[in-house]
């Protein structure tokens, strides 16, 4: 079976979106001392977990420019829920401390994404 380049690109975008969601979840879980399993749970959670999930969604969507349609599967939420989560965090950025913290987290996530995209350096083999 031969796949077109569009299919491969679509598959790669989906894979990167899923890995972006996992990294954003791990960062939010670690910083906010919440279990990554709770952040990714498909069930309702308590307020601190919801806040951590919203931050993870925001980081993956805004920092890495991932579409909510791709991220929705990783967070077990409808795309409209992800949009509301991003809007809630954007509104909360009026708090200077939160804004500063999110800037640092965005920088860390973008650095991770750049290292992920760079991949191993290929060297020319001489014969």
PDB file of N, CA and C in Angstrom:
ATOM      1  N   UNK A   1       0.856  -1.175   0.000  1.00  0.00           N
ATOM      2  CA  UNK A   1       0.000   0.000   0.000  1.00  0.00           C
ATOM      3  C   UNK A   1       0.901   1.237   0.000  1.00  0.00           C
ATOM      4  N   UNK A   2       0.621   2.139  -0.900  1.00  0.00           N
ATOM      5  CA  UNK A   2       1.419   3.352  -1.035  1.00  0.00           C
ATOM      6  C   UNK A   2       0.648   4.518  -0.425  1.00  0.00           C
ATOM      7  N   UNK A   3       1.318   5.278   0.442  1.00  0.00           N
ATOM      8  CA  UNK A   3       0.696   6.435   1.066  1.00  0.00           C
ATOM      9  C   UNK A   3       1.174   7.694   0.376  1.00  0.00           C
ATOM     10  N   UNK A   4       0.277   8.617   0.201  1.00  0.00           N
ATOM     11  CA  UNK A   4       0.657   9.893  -0.392  1.00  0.00           C
ATOM     12  C   UNK A   4       1.407  10.726   0.636  1.00  0.00           C
ATOM     13  N   UNK A   5       2.105  11.738   0.139  1.00  0.00           N
ATOM     14  CA  UNK A   5       2.841  12.612   1.059  1.00  0.00           C
ATOM     15  C   UNK A   5       1.877  13.374   1.961  1.00  0.00           C
ATOM     16  N   UNK A   6       0.663  13.660   1.474  1.00  0.00           N
ATOM     17  CA  UNK A   6      -0.332  14.344   2.311  1.00  0.00           C
ATOM     18  C   UNK A   6      -0.757  13.466   3.479  1.00  0.00           C
ATOM     19  N   UNK A   7      -0.887  12.175   3.239  1.00  0.00           N
ATOM     20  CA  UNK A   7      -1.253  11.253   4.313  1.00  0.00           C
ATOM     21  C   UNK A   7      -0.144  11.190   5.353  1.00  0.00           C
ATOM     22  N   UNK A   8       1.099  11.110   4.884  1.00  0.00           N
ATOM     23  CA  UNK A   8       2.238  11.044   5.806  1.00  0.00           C
ATOM     24  C   UNK A   8       2.332  12.323   6.620  1.00  0.00           C
ATOM     25  N   UNK A   9       2.143  13.476   5.976  1.00  0.00           N
ATOM     26  CA  UNK A   9       2.194  14.756   6.683  1.00  0.00           C
ATOM     27  C   UNK A   9       1.084  14.839   7.718  1.00  0.00           C
ATOM     28  N   UNK A  10      -0.107  14.391   7.366  1.00  0.00           N
ATOM     29  CA  UNK A  10      -1.229  14.388   8.302  1.00  0.00           C
ATOM     30  C   UNK A  10      -0.927  13.493   9.499  1.00  0.00           C
ATOM     31  N   UNK A  11      -0.359  12.323   9.229  1.00  0.00           N
ATOM     32  CA  UNK A  11      -0.009  11.403  10.302  1.00  0.00           C
ATOM     33  C   UNK A  11       1.064  12.004  11.211  1.00  0.00           C
ATOM     34  N   UNK A  12       2.063  12.671  10.617  1.00  0.00           N
ATOM     35  CA  UNK A  12       3.127  13.292  11.399  1.00  0.00           C
ATOM     36  C   UNK A  12       2.596  14.427  12.260  1.00  0.00           C
ATOM     37  N   UNK A  13       1.680  15.235  11.720  1.00  0.00           N
ATOM     38  CA  UNK A  13       1.087  16.327  12.500  1.00  0.00           C
ATOM     39  C   UNK A  13       0.307  15.771  13.688  1.00  0.00           C
ATOM     40  N   UNK A  14      -0.428  14.698  13.445  1.00  0.00           N
ATOM     41  CA  UNK A  14      -1.205  14.088  14.528  1.00  0.00           C
ATOM     42  C   UNK A  14      -0.271  13.539  15.595  1.00  0.00           C
ATOM     43  N   UNK A  15       0.806  12.862  15.179  1.00  0.00           N
ATOM     44  CA  UNK A  15       1.764  12.317  16.139  1.00  0.00           C
ATOM     45  C   UNK A  15       2.419  13.433  16.938  1.00  0.00           C
ATOM     46  N   UNK A  16       2.828  14.520  16.265  1.00  0.00           N
ATOM     47  CA  UNK A  16       3.447  15.635  16.979  1.00  0.00           C
ATOM     48  C   UNK A  16       2.444  16.285  17.931  1.00  0.00           C
ATOM     49  N   UNK A  17       1.192  16.422  17.507  1.00  0.00           N
ATOM     50  CA  UNK A  17       0.163  16.992  18.374  1.00  0.00           C
ATOM     51  C   UNK A  17      -0.058  16.157  19.617  1.00  0.00           C
ATOM     52  N   UNK A  18      -0.066  14.834  19.460  1.00  0.00           N
ATOM     53  CA  UNK A  18      -0.239  13.953  20.610  1.00  0.00           C
ATOM     54  C   UNK A  18       0.962  14.031  21.541  1.00  0.00           C
ATOM     55  N   UNK A  19       2.160  14.084  20.975  1.00  0.00           N
ATOM     56  CA  UNK A  19       3.342  14.173  21.836  1.00  0.00           C
ATOM     57  C   UNK A  19       3.419  15.541  22.502  1.00  0.00           C
ATOM     58  N   UNK A  20       2.976  16.597  21.805  1.00  0.00           N
ATOM     59  CA  UNK A  20       2.928  17.933  22.410  1.00  0.00           C
ATOM     60  C   UNK A  20       1.979  17.936  23.596  1.00  0.00           C
ATOM     61  N   UNK A  21       0.848  17.261  23.445  1.00  0.00           N
ATOM     62  CA  UNK A  21      -0.113  17.185  24.547  1.00  0.00           C
ATOM     63  C   UNK A  21       0.479  16.440  25.732  1.00  0.00           C
ATOM     64  N   UNK A  22       1.184  15.352  25.475  1.00  0.00           N
ATOM     65  CA  UNK A  22       1.785  14.584  26.564  1.00  0.00           C
ATOM     66  C   UNK A  22       2.847  15.391  27.306  1.00  0.00           C
ATOM     67  N   UNK A  23       3.665  16.122  26.562  1.00  0.00           N
ATOM     68  CA  UNK A  23       4.709  16.935  27.200  1.00  0.00           C
ATOM     69  C   UNK A  23       4.076  18.071  27.994  1.00  0.00           C
ATOM     70  N   UNK A  24       3.068  18.727  27.422  1.00  0.00           N
ATOM     71  CA  UNK A  24       2.393  19.824  28.124  1.00  0.00           C
ATOM     72  C   UNK A  24       1.726  19.301  29.403  1.00  0.00           C
ATOM     73  N   UNK A  25       1.117  18.121  29.320  1.00  0.00           N
ATOM     74  CA  UNK A  25       0.517  17.514  30.514  1.00  0.00           C
ATOM     75  C   UNK A  25       1.566  17.219  31.568  1.00  0.00           C
ATOM     76  N   UNK A  26       2.707  16.694  31.147  1.00  0.00           N
ATOM     77  CA  UNK A  26       3.773  16.361  32.096  1.00  0.00           C
ATOM     78  C   UNK A  26       4.324  17.612  32.766  1.00  0.00           C
ATOM     79  N   UNK A  27       4.500  18.682  31.994  1.00  0.00           N
ATOM     80  CA  UNK A  27       5.010  19.935  32.556  1.00  0.00           C
ATOM     81  C   UNK A  27       4.017  20.507  33.561  1.00  0.00           C
ATOM     82  N   UNK A  28       2.749  20.578  33.177  1.00  0.00           N
ATOM     83  CA  UNK A  28       1.730  21.130  34.081  1.00  0.00           C
ATOM     84  C   UNK A  28       1.603  20.273  35.341  1.00  0.00           C
ATOM     85  N   UNK A  29       1.665  18.966  35.178  1.00  0.00           N
ATOM     86  CA  UNK A  29       1.550  18.064  36.335  1.00  0.00           C
ATOM     87  C   UNK A  29       2.706  18.272  37.297  1.00  0.00           C
ATOM     88  N   UNK A  30       3.899  18.376  36.747  1.00  0.00           N
ATOM     89  CA  UNK A  30       5.087  18.523  37.595  1.00  0.00           C
ATOM     90  C   UNK A  30       5.079  19.863  38.327  1.00  0.00           C
ATOM     91  N   UNK A  31       4.781  20.936  37.619  1.00  0.00           N
ATOM     92  CA  UNK A  31       4.805  22.274  38.201  1.00  0.00           C
ATOM     93  C   UNK A  31       3.714  22.446  39.252  1.00  0.00           C
ATOM     94  N   UNK A  32       2.526  21.895  38.987  1.00  0.00           N
ATOM     95  CA  UNK A  32       1.395  22.092  39.889  1.00  0.00           C
ATOM     96  C   UNK A  32       1.190  20.931  40.861  1.00  0.00           C
ATOM     97  N   UNK A  33       2.111  19.974  40.874  1.00  0.00           N
ATOM     98  CA  UNK A  33       2.053  18.836  41.794  1.00  0.00           C
ATOM     99  C   UNK A  33       0.730  18.078  41.693  1.00  0.00           C
ATOM    100  N   UNK A  34       0.352  17.800  40.446  1.00  0.00           N
ATOM    101  CA  UNK A  34      -0.866  17.050  40.150  1.00  0.00           C
ATOM    102  C   UNK A  34      -0.441  15.813  39.360  1.00  0.00           C
ATOM    103  N   UNK A  35      -1.131  14.732  39.523  1.00  0.00           N
ATOM    104  CA  UNK A  35      -0.822  13.515  38.778  1.00  0.00           C
ATOM    105  C   UNK A  35      -1.138  13.704  37.289  1.00  0.00           C
ATOM    106  N   UNK A  36      -0.210  13.281  36.451  1.00  0.00           N
ATOM    107  CA  UNK A  36      -0.442  13.337  35.002  1.00  0.00           C
ATOM    108  C   UNK A  36      -1.652  12.496  34.619  1.00  0.00           C
ATOM    109  N   UNK A  37      -1.834  11.402  35.326  1.00  0.00           N
ATOM    110  CA  UNK A  37      -2.982  10.531  35.077  1.00  0.00           C
ATOM    111  C   UNK A  37      -4.298  11.276  35.325  1.00  0.00           C
ATOM    112  N   UNK A  38      -4.336  12.100  36.379  1.00  0.00           N
ATOM    113  CA  UNK A  38      -5.539  12.883  36.672  1.00  0.00           C
ATOM    114  C   UNK A  38      -5.795  13.920  35.577  1.00  0.00           C
ATOM    115  N   UNK A  39      -4.746  14.568  35.101  1.00  0.00           N
ATOM    116  CA  UNK A  39      -4.903  15.589  34.059  1.00  0.00           C
ATOM    117  C   UNK A  39      -5.485  14.972  32.794  1.00  0.00           C
ATOM    118  N   UNK A  40      -5.037  13.780  32.456  1.00  0.00           N
ATOM    119  CA  UNK A  40      -5.508  13.130  31.237  1.00  0.00           C
ATOM    120  C   UNK A  40      -6.754  12.295  31.404  1.00  0.00           C
ATOM    121  N   UNK A  41      -7.297  12.239  32.595  1.00  0.00           N
ATOM    122  CA  UNK A  41      -8.473  11.392  32.851  1.00  0.00           C
ATOM    123  C   UNK A  41      -9.702  11.894  32.091  1.00  0.00           C
ATOM    124  N   UNK A  42     -10.483  10.980  31.544  1.00  0.00           N
ATOM    125  CA  UNK A  42     -11.688  11.381  30.818  1.00  0.00           C
ATOM    126  C   UNK A  42     -12.852  11.760  31.733  1.00  0.00           C
ATOM    127  N   UNK A  43     -12.685  11.563  33.029  1.00  0.00           N
ATOM    128  CA  UNK A  43     -13.763  11.864  33.981  1.00  0.00           C
ATOM    129  C   UNK A  43     -13.583  13.255  34.586  1.00  0.00           C
ATOM    130  N   UNK A  44     -14.630  13.721  35.262  1.00  0.00           N
ATOM    131  CA  UNK A  44     -14.559  15.026  35.929  1.00  0.00           C
ATOM    132  C   UNK A  44     -13.579  14.950  37.093  1.00  0.00           C
ATOM    133  N   UNK A  45     -12.916  16.077  37.345  1.00  0.00           N
ATOM    134  CA  UNK A  45     -11.912  16.118  38.401  1.00  0.00           C
ATOM    135  C   UNK A  45     -12.145  17.339  39.281  1.00  0.00           C
ATOM    136  N   UNK A  46     -11.390  17.411  40.366  1.00  0.00           N
ATOM    137  CA  UNK A  46     -11.503  18.547  41.273  1.00  0.00           C
ATOM    138  C   UNK A  46     -10.837  19.774  40.654  1.00  0.00           C
ATOM    139  N   UNK A  47     -11.129  20.932  41.229  1.00  0.00           N
ATOM    140  CA  UNK A  47     -10.694  22.212  40.692  1.00  0.00           C
ATOM    141  C   UNK A  47      -9.191  22.317  40.411  1.00  0.00           C
ATOM    142  N   UNK A  48      -8.286  21.878  41.310  1.00  0.00           N
ATOM    143  CA  UNK A  48      -6.849  21.994  41.008  1.00  0.00           C
ATOM    144  C   UNK A  48      -6.433  21.183  39.769  1.00  0.00           C
ATOM    145  N   UNK A  49      -7.071  20.039  39.577  1.00  0.00           N
ATOM    146  CA  UNK A  49      -6.767  19.210  38.413  1.00  0.00           C
ATOM    147  C   UNK A  49      -7.279  19.885  37.143  1.00  0.00           C
ATOM    148  N   UNK A  50      -8.450  20.472  37.226  1.00  0.00           N
ATOM    149  CA  UNK A  50      -9.018  21.172  36.075  1.00  0.00           C
ATOM    150  C   UNK A  50      -8.114  22.347  35.682  1.00  0.00           C
ATOM    151  N   UNK A  51      -7.621  23.059  36.664  1.00  0.00           N
ATOM    152  CA  UNK A  51      -6.713  24.190  36.387  1.00  0.00           C
ATOM    153  C   UNK A  51      -5.430  23.705  35.703  1.00  0.00           C
ATOM    154  N   UNK A  52      -4.873  22.608  36.192  1.00  0.00           N
ATOM    155  CA  UNK A  52      -3.668  22.041  35.580  1.00  0.00           C
ATOM    156  C   UNK A  52      -3.952  21.573  34.156  1.00  0.00           C
ATOM    157  N   UNK A  53      -5.109  20.942  33.937  1.00  0.00           N
ATOM    158  CA  UNK A  53      -5.486  20.498  32.598  1.00  0.00           C
ATOM    159  C   UNK A  53      -5.627  21.694  31.660  1.00  0.00           C
ATOM    160  N   UNK A  54      -6.264  22.754  32.142  1.00  0.00           N
ATOM    161  CA  UNK A  54      -6.416  23.947  31.312  1.00  0.00           C
ATOM    162  C   UNK A  54      -5.063  24.544  30.934  1.00  0.00           C
ATOM    163  N   UNK A  55      -4.138  24.561  31.873  1.00  0.00           N
ATOM    164  CA  UNK A  55      -2.806  25.089  31.581  1.00  0.00           C
ATOM    165  C   UNK A  55      -2.106  24.208  30.551  1.00  0.00           C
ATOM    166  N   UNK A  56      -2.219  22.897  30.689  1.00  0.00           N
ATOM    167  CA  UNK A  56      -1.608  21.985  29.722  1.00  0.00           C
ATOM    168  C   UNK A  56      -2.198  22.175  28.330  1.00  0.00           C
ATOM    169  N   UNK A  57      -3.511  22.312  28.263  1.00  0.00           N
ATOM    170  CA  UNK A  57      -4.181  22.548  26.980  1.00  0.00           C
ATOM    171  C   UNK A  57      -3.698  23.860  26.373  1.00  0.00           C
ATOM    172  N   UNK A  58      -3.651  24.895  27.189  1.00  0.00           N
ATOM    173  CA  UNK A  58      -3.206  26.207  26.734  1.00  0.00           C
ATOM    174  C   UNK A  58      -1.777  26.134  26.193  1.00  0.00           C
ATOM    175  N   UNK A  59      -0.892  25.482  26.927  1.00  0.00           N
ATOM    176  CA  UNK A  59       0.497  25.380  26.498  1.00  0.00           C
ATOM    177  C   UNK A  59       0.622  24.642  25.166  1.00  0.00           C
ATOM    178  N   UNK A  60      -0.076  23.532  25.040  1.00  0.00           N
ATOM    179  CA  UNK A  60       0.009  22.752  23.804  1.00  0.00           C
ATOM    180  C   UNK A  60      -0.589  23.507  22.621  1.00  0.00           C
ATOM    181  N   UNK A  61      -1.695  24.201  22.863  1.00  0.00           N
ATOM    182  CA  UNK A  61      -2.369  24.913  21.773  1.00  0.00           C
ATOM    183  C   UNK A  61      -1.668  26.213  21.390  1.00  0.00           C
ATOM    184  N   UNK A  62      -1.370  27.037  22.367  1.00  0.00           N
ATOM    185  CA  UNK A  62      -0.816  28.364  22.084  1.00  0.00           C
ATOM    186  C   UNK A  62       0.686  28.313  21.829  1.00  0.00           C
ATOM    187  N   UNK A  63       1.422  27.637  22.680  1.00  0.00           N
ATOM    188  CA  UNK A  63       2.881  27.621  22.544  1.00  0.00           C
ATOM    189  C   UNK A  63       3.352  26.835  21.331  1.00  0.00           C
ATOM    190  N   UNK A  64       2.681  25.729  21.056  1.00  0.00           N
ATOM    191  CA  UNK A  64       3.109  24.869  19.957  1.00  0.00           C
ATOM    192  C   UNK A  64       2.184  24.926  18.750  1.00  0.00           C
ATOM    193  N   UNK A  65       1.212  25.814  18.801  1.00  0.00           N
ATOM    194  CA  UNK A  65       0.290  26.041  17.673  1.00  0.00           C
ATOM    195  C   UNK A  65      -0.394  24.757  17.201  1.00  0.00           C
ATOM    196  N   UNK A  66      -0.774  23.932  18.143  1.00  0.00           N
ATOM    197  CA  UNK A  66      -1.461  22.694  17.790  1.00  0.00           C
ATOM    198  C   UNK A  66      -2.966  22.937  17.709  1.00  0.00           C
ATOM    199  N   UNK A  67      -3.594  22.328  16.728  1.00  0.00           N
ATOM    200  CA  UNK A  67      -5.036  22.481  16.554  1.00  0.00           C
ATOM    201  C   UNK A  67      -5.779  21.737  17.654  1.00  0.00           C
ATOM    202  N   UNK A  68      -6.877  22.341  18.089  1.00  0.00           N
ATOM    203  CA  UNK A  68      -7.653  21.719  19.162  1.00  0.00           C
ATOM    204  C   UNK A  68      -8.261  20.388  18.711  1.00  0.00           C
ATOM    205  N   UNK A  69      -8.503  20.217  17.422  1.00  0.00           N
ATOM    206  CA  UNK A  69      -9.049  18.958  16.931  1.00  0.00           C
ATOM    207  C   UNK A  69      -8.056  17.819  17.171  1.00  0.00           C
ATOM    208  N   UNK A  70      -6.763  18.096  17.031  1.00  0.00           N
ATOM    209  CA  UNK A  70      -5.745  17.077  17.266  1.00  0.00           C
ATOM    210  C   UNK A  70      -5.564  16.838  18.758  1.00  0.00           C
ATOM    211  N   UNK A  71      -5.571  17.914  19.536  1.00  0.00           N
ATOM    212  CA  UNK A  71      -5.350  17.802  20.977  1.00  0.00           C
ATOM    213  C   UNK A  71      -6.524  17.184  21.727  1.00  0.00           C
ATOM    214  N   UNK A  72      -7.718  17.303  21.168  1.00  0.00           N
ATOM    215  CA  UNK A  72      -8.909  16.856  21.901  1.00  0.00           C
ATOM    216  C   UNK A  72      -8.850  15.377  22.261  1.00  0.00           C
ATOM    217  N   UNK A  73      -8.306  14.558  21.400  1.00  0.00           N
ATOM    218  CA  UNK A  73      -8.210  13.126  21.705  1.00  0.00           C
ATOM    219  C   UNK A  73      -7.247  12.867  22.854  1.00  0.00           C
ATOM    220  N   UNK A  74      -6.161  13.609  22.889  1.00  0.00           N
ATOM    221  CA  UNK A  74      -5.162  13.409  23.948  1.00  0.00           C
ATOM    222  C   UNK A  74      -5.668  13.839  25.318  1.00  0.00           C
ATOM    223  N   UNK A  75      -6.551  14.832  25.332  1.00  0.00           N
ATOM    224  CA  UNK A  75      -7.093  15.317  26.601  1.00  0.00           C
ATOM    225  C   UNK A  75      -8.474  14.746  26.904  1.00  0.00           C
ATOM    226  N   UNK A  76      -8.987  13.902  26.022  1.00  0.00           N
ATOM    227  CA  UNK A  76     -10.302  13.278  26.205  1.00  0.00           C
ATOM    228  C   UNK A  76     -11.396  14.323  26.409  1.00  0.00           C
ATOM    229  N   UNK A  77     -11.332  15.374  25.625  1.00  0.00           N
ATOM    230  CA  UNK A  77     -12.318  16.457  25.718  1.00  0.00           C
ATOM    231  C   UNK A  77     -12.740  16.883  24.311  1.00  0.00           C
ATOM    232  N   UNK A  78     -13.927  17.451  24.204  1.00  0.00           N
ATOM    233  CA  UNK A  78     -14.432  17.988  22.940  1.00  0.00           C
ATOM    234  C   UNK A  78     -13.632  19.237  22.584  1.00  0.00           C
ATOM    235  N   UNK A  79     -13.405  19.503  21.290  1.00  0.00           N
ATOM    236  CA  UNK A  79     -12.651  20.707  20.898  1.00  0.00           C
ATOM    237  C   UNK A  79     -13.200  22.003  21.477  1.00  0.00           C
ATOM    238  N   UNK A  80     -14.518  22.114  21.627  1.00  0.00           N
ATOM    239  CA  UNK A  80     -15.083  23.346  22.198  1.00  0.00           C
ATOM    240  C   UNK A  80     -14.661  23.510  23.660  1.00  0.00           C
ATOM    241  N   UNK A  81     -14.496  22.411  24.367  1.00  0.00           N
ATOM    242  CA  UNK A  81     -14.027  22.463  25.754  1.00  0.00           C
ATOM    243  C   UNK A  81     -12.585  22.951  25.798  1.00  0.00           C
ATOM    244  N   UNK A  82     -11.775  22.525  24.843  1.00  0.00           N
ATOM    245  CA  UNK A  82     -10.391  22.981  24.778  1.00  0.00           C
ATOM    246  C   UNK A  82     -10.327  24.481  24.476  1.00  0.00           C
ATOM    247  N   UNK A  83     -11.204  24.956  23.610  1.00  0.00           N
ATOM    248  CA  UNK A  83     -11.235  26.399  23.312  1.00  0.00           C
ATOM    249  C   UNK A  83     -11.609  27.216  24.551  1.00  0.00           C
ATOM    250  N   UNK A  84     -12.583  26.716  25.315  1.00  0.00           N
ATOM    251  CA  UNK A  84     -12.969  27.407  26.548  1.00  0.00           C
ATOM    252  C   UNK A  84     -11.839  27.388  27.573  1.00  0.00           C
ATOM    253  N   UNK A  85     -11.110  26.286  27.641  1.00  0.00           N
ATOM    254  CA  UNK A  85      -9.972  26.197  28.566  1.00  0.00           C
ATOM    255  C   UNK A  85      -8.909  27.227  28.197  1.00  0.00           C
ATOM    256  N   UNK A  86      -8.621  27.368  26.922  1.00  0.00           N
ATOM    257  CA  UNK A  86      -7.624  28.354  26.472  1.00  0.00           C
ATOM    258  C   UNK A  86      -8.095  29.774  26.789  1.00  0.00           C
ATOM    259  N   UNK A  87      -9.375  30.028  26.581  1.00  0.00           N
ATOM    260  CA  UNK A  87      -9.917  31.364  26.881  1.00  0.00           C
ATOM    261  C   UNK A  87      -9.837  31.653  28.381  1.00  0.00           C
ATOM    262  N   UNK A  88     -10.094  30.653  29.205  1.00  0.00           N
ATOM    263  CA  UNK A  88     -10.031  30.847  30.660  1.00  0.00           C
ATOM    264  C   UNK A  88      -8.610  31.169  31.110  1.00  0.00           C
ATOM    265  N   UNK A  89      -7.625  30.472  30.561  1.00  0.00           N
ATOM    266  CA  UNK A  89      -6.232  30.740  30.937  1.00  0.00           C
ATOM    267  C   UNK A  89      -5.789  32.090  30.388  1.00  0.00           C
ATOM    268  N   UNK A  90      -6.216  32.421  29.203  1.00  0.00           N
ATOM    269  CA  UNK A  90      -5.863  33.744  28.634  1.00  0.00           C
ATOM    270  C   UNK A  90      -6.412  34.865  29.516  1.00  0.00           C
ATOM    271  N   UNK A  91      -7.624  34.705  30.013  1.00  0.00           N
ATOM    272  CA  UNK A  91      -8.200  35.699  30.926  1.00  0.00           C
ATOM    273  C   UNK A  91      -7.439  35.753  32.242  1.00  0.00           C
ATOM    274  N   UNK A  92      -6.969  34.596  32.703  1.00  0.00           N
ATOM    275  CA  UNK A  92      -6.250  34.530  33.980  1.00  0.00           C
ATOM    276  C   UNK A  92      -4.841  35.124  33.887  1.00  0.00           C
ATOM    277  N   UNK A  93      -4.357  35.362  32.682  1.00  0.00           N
ATOM    278  CA  UNK A  93      -3.005  35.910  32.518  1.00  0.00           C
ATOM    279  C   UNK A  93      -2.914  37.360  32.978  1.00  0.00           C
ATOM    280  N   UNK A  94      -4.032  37.954  33.374  1.00  0.00           N
ATOM    281  CA  UNK A  94      -3.996  39.300  33.958  1.00  0.00           C
ATOM    282  C   UNK A  94      -3.209  39.301  35.268  1.00  0.00           C
ATOM    283  N   UNK A  95      -3.155  38.149  35.917  1.00  0.00           N
ATOM    284  CA  UNK A  95      -2.361  37.984  37.129  1.00  0.00           C
ATOM    285  C   UNK A  95      -0.883  37.918  36.708  1.00  0.00           C
ATOM    286  N   UNK A  96      -0.074  38.880  37.187  1.00  0.00           N
ATOM    287  CA  UNK A  96       1.325  38.972  36.761  1.00  0.00           C
ATOM    288  C   UNK A  96       2.130  37.728  37.102  1.00  0.00           C
ATOM    289  N   UNK A  97       1.888  37.133  38.244  1.00  0.00           N
ATOM    290  CA  UNK A  97       2.638  35.936  38.644  1.00  0.00           C
ATOM    291  C   UNK A  97       2.325  34.768  37.707  1.00  0.00           C
ATOM    292  N   UNK A  98       1.047  34.584  37.395  1.00  0.00           N
ATOM    293  CA  UNK A  98       0.667  33.512  36.485  1.00  0.00           C
ATOM    294  C   UNK A  98       1.215  33.776  35.091  1.00  0.00           C
ATOM    295  N   UNK A  99       1.153  35.020  34.650  1.00  0.00           N
ATOM    296  CA  UNK A  99       1.662  35.385  33.337  1.00  0.00           C
ATOM    297  C   UNK A  99       3.152  35.064  33.234  1.00  0.00           C
ATOM    298  N   UNK A 100       3.912  35.414  34.262  1.00  0.00           N
ATOM    299  CA  UNK A 100       5.348  35.150  34.282  1.00  0.00           C
ATOM    300  C   UNK A 100       5.619  33.645  34.254  1.00  0.00           C
ATOM    301  N   UNK A 101       4.871  32.893  35.043  1.00  0.00           N
ATOM    302  CA  UNK A 101       5.035  31.443  35.097  1.00  0.00           C
ATOM    303  C   UNK A 101       4.716  30.806  33.739  1.00  0.00           C
ATOM    304  N   UNK A 102       3.634  31.252  33.112  1.00  0.00           N
ATOM    305  CA  UNK A 102       3.268  30.702  31.804  1.00  0.00           C
ATOM    306  C   UNK A 102       4.308  31.045  30.746  1.00  0.00           C
ATOM    307  N   UNK A 103       4.888  32.244  30.828  1.00  0.00           N
ATOM    308  CA  UNK A 103       5.968  32.594  29.894  1.00  0.00           C
ATOM    309  C   UNK A 103       7.133  31.617  30.017  1.00  0.00           C
ATOM    310  N   UNK A 104       7.512  31.297  31.257  1.00  0.00           N
ATOM    311  CA  UNK A 104       8.601  30.342  31.471  1.00  0.00           C
ATOM    312  C   UNK A 104       8.245  28.949  30.943  1.00  0.00           C
ATOM    313  N   UNK A 105       7.026  28.519  31.206  1.00  0.00           N
ATOM    314  CA  UNK A 105       6.599  27.205  30.739  1.00  0.00           C
ATOM    315  C   UNK A 105       6.533  27.148  29.214  1.00  0.00           C
ATOM    316  N   UNK A 106       6.071  28.222  28.589  1.00  0.00           N
ATOM    317  CA  UNK A 106       6.028  28.277  27.130  1.00  0.00           C
ATOM    318  C   UNK A 106       7.426  28.170  26.544  1.00  0.00           C
ATOM    319  N   UNK A 107       8.379  28.873  27.147  1.00  0.00           N
ATOM    320  CA  UNK A 107       9.759  28.825  26.677  1.00  0.00           C
ATOM    321  C   UNK A 107      10.320  27.408  26.785  1.00  0.00           C
ATOM    322  N   UNK A 108      10.068  26.750  27.905  1.00  0.00           N
ATOM    323  CA  UNK A 108      10.549  25.379  28.105  1.00  0.00           C
ATOM    324  C   UNK A 108       9.920  24.426  27.091  1.00  0.00           C
ATOM    325  N   UNK A 109       8.641  24.575  26.855  1.00  0.00           N
ATOM    326  CA  UNK A 109       7.946  23.696  25.922  1.00  0.00           C
ATOM    327  C   UNK A 109       8.419  23.931  24.493  1.00  0.00           C
ATOM    328  N   UNK A 110       8.627  25.174  24.118  1.00  0.00           N
ATOM    329  CA  UNK A 110       9.117  25.472  22.773  1.00  0.00           C
ATOM    330  C   UNK A 110      10.533  24.930  22.572  1.00  0.00           C
ATOM    331  N   UNK A 111      11.363  25.022  23.597  1.00  0.00           N
ATOM    332  CA  UNK A 111      12.716  24.476  23.503  1.00  0.00           C
ATOM    333  C   UNK A 111      12.665  22.959  23.320  1.00  0.00           C
ATOM    334  N   UNK A 112      11.762  22.306  24.049  1.00  0.00           N
ATOM    335  CA  UNK A 112      11.603  20.862  23.906  1.00  0.00           C
ATOM    336  C   UNK A 112      11.133  20.521  22.490  1.00  0.00           C
ATOM    337  N   UNK A 113      10.199  21.285  21.975  1.00  0.00           N
ATOM    338  CA  UNK A 113       9.668  21.027  20.631  1.00  0.00           C
ATOM    339  C   UNK A 113      10.755  21.198  19.572  1.00  0.00           C
ATOM    340  N   UNK A 114      11.616  22.188  19.737  1.00  0.00           N
ATOM    341  CA  UNK A 114      12.691  22.393  18.772  1.00  0.00           C
ATOM    342  C   UNK A 114      13.666  21.222  18.793  1.00  0.00           C
ATOM    343  N   UNK A 115      13.967  20.707  19.967  1.00  0.00           N
ATOM    344  CA  UNK A 115      14.871  19.561  20.039  1.00  0.00           C
ATOM    345  C   UNK A 115      14.205  18.313  19.457  1.00  0.00           C
ATOM    346  N   UNK A 116      12.890  18.197  19.629  1.00  0.00           N
ATOM    347  CA  UNK A 116      12.141  17.070  19.083  1.00  0.00           C
ATOM    348  C   UNK A 116      12.150  17.116  17.564  1.00  0.00           C
ATOM    349  N   UNK A 117      11.940  18.311  17.012  1.00  0.00           N
ATOM    350  CA  UNK A 117      11.862  18.463  15.555  1.00  0.00           C
ATOM    351  C   UNK A 117      13.224  18.333  14.893  1.00  0.00           C
ATOM    352  N   UNK A 118      14.280  18.695  15.606  1.00  0.00           N
ATOM    353  CA  UNK A 118      15.613  18.625  15.016  1.00  0.00           C
ATOM    354  C   UNK A 118      16.006  17.180  14.753  1.00  0.00           C
ATOM    355  N   UNK A 119      15.677  16.300  15.686  1.00  0.00           N
ATOM    356  CA  UNK A 119      15.994  14.889  15.516  1.00  0.00           C
ATOM    357  C   UNK A 119      17.488  14.650  15.445  1.00  0.00           C
ATOM    358  N   UNK A 120      17.874  13.421  15.197  1.00  0.00           N
ATOM    359  CA  UNK A 120      19.308  13.126  15.104  1.00  0.00           C
ATOM    360  C   UNK A 120      19.893  13.726  13.832  1.00  0.00           C
ATOM    361  N   UNK A 121      21.091  14.199  13.946  1.00  0.00           N
ATOM    362  CA  UNK A 121      21.768  14.779  12.789  1.00  0.00           C
ATOM    363  C   UNK A 121      22.259  13.656  11.890  1.00  0.00           C
ATOM    364  N   UNK A 122      21.922  13.765  10.626  1.00  0.00           N
ATOM    365  CA  UNK A 122      22.346  12.753   9.665  1.00  0.00           C
ATOM    366  C   UNK A 122      23.704  13.144   9.106  1.00  0.00           C
ATOM    367  N   UNK A 123      24.588  12.206   9.036  1.00  0.00           N
ATOM    368  CA  UNK A 123      25.906  12.469   8.498  1.00  0.00           C
ATOM    369  C   UNK A 123      26.044  11.742   7.178  1.00  0.00           C
ATOM    370  N   UNK A 124      26.732  12.390   6.263  1.00  0.00           N
ATOM    371  CA  UNK A 124      26.934  11.816   4.952  1.00  0.00           C
ATOM    372  C   UNK A 124      27.917  10.645   5.067  1.00  0.00           C
ATOM    373  N   UNK A 125      27.565   9.569   4.460  1.00  0.00           N
ATOM    374  CA  UNK A 125      28.425   8.383   4.473  1.00  0.00           C
ATOM    375  C   UNK A 125      29.242   8.405   3.188  1.00  0.00           C
ATOM    376  N   UNK A 126      30.561   8.377   3.317  1.00  0.00           N
ATOM    377  CA  UNK A 126      31.447   8.377   2.158  1.00  0.00           C
ATOM    378  C   UNK A 126      31.896   6.947   1.866  1.00  0.00           C
ATOM    379  N   UNK A 127      31.891   6.646   0.616  1.00  0.00           N
ATOM    380  CA  UNK A 127      32.319   5.295   0.213  1.00  0.00           C
ATOM    381  C   UNK A 127      33.641   5.352  -0.506  1.00  0.00           C
TER     382      UNK A 127
END
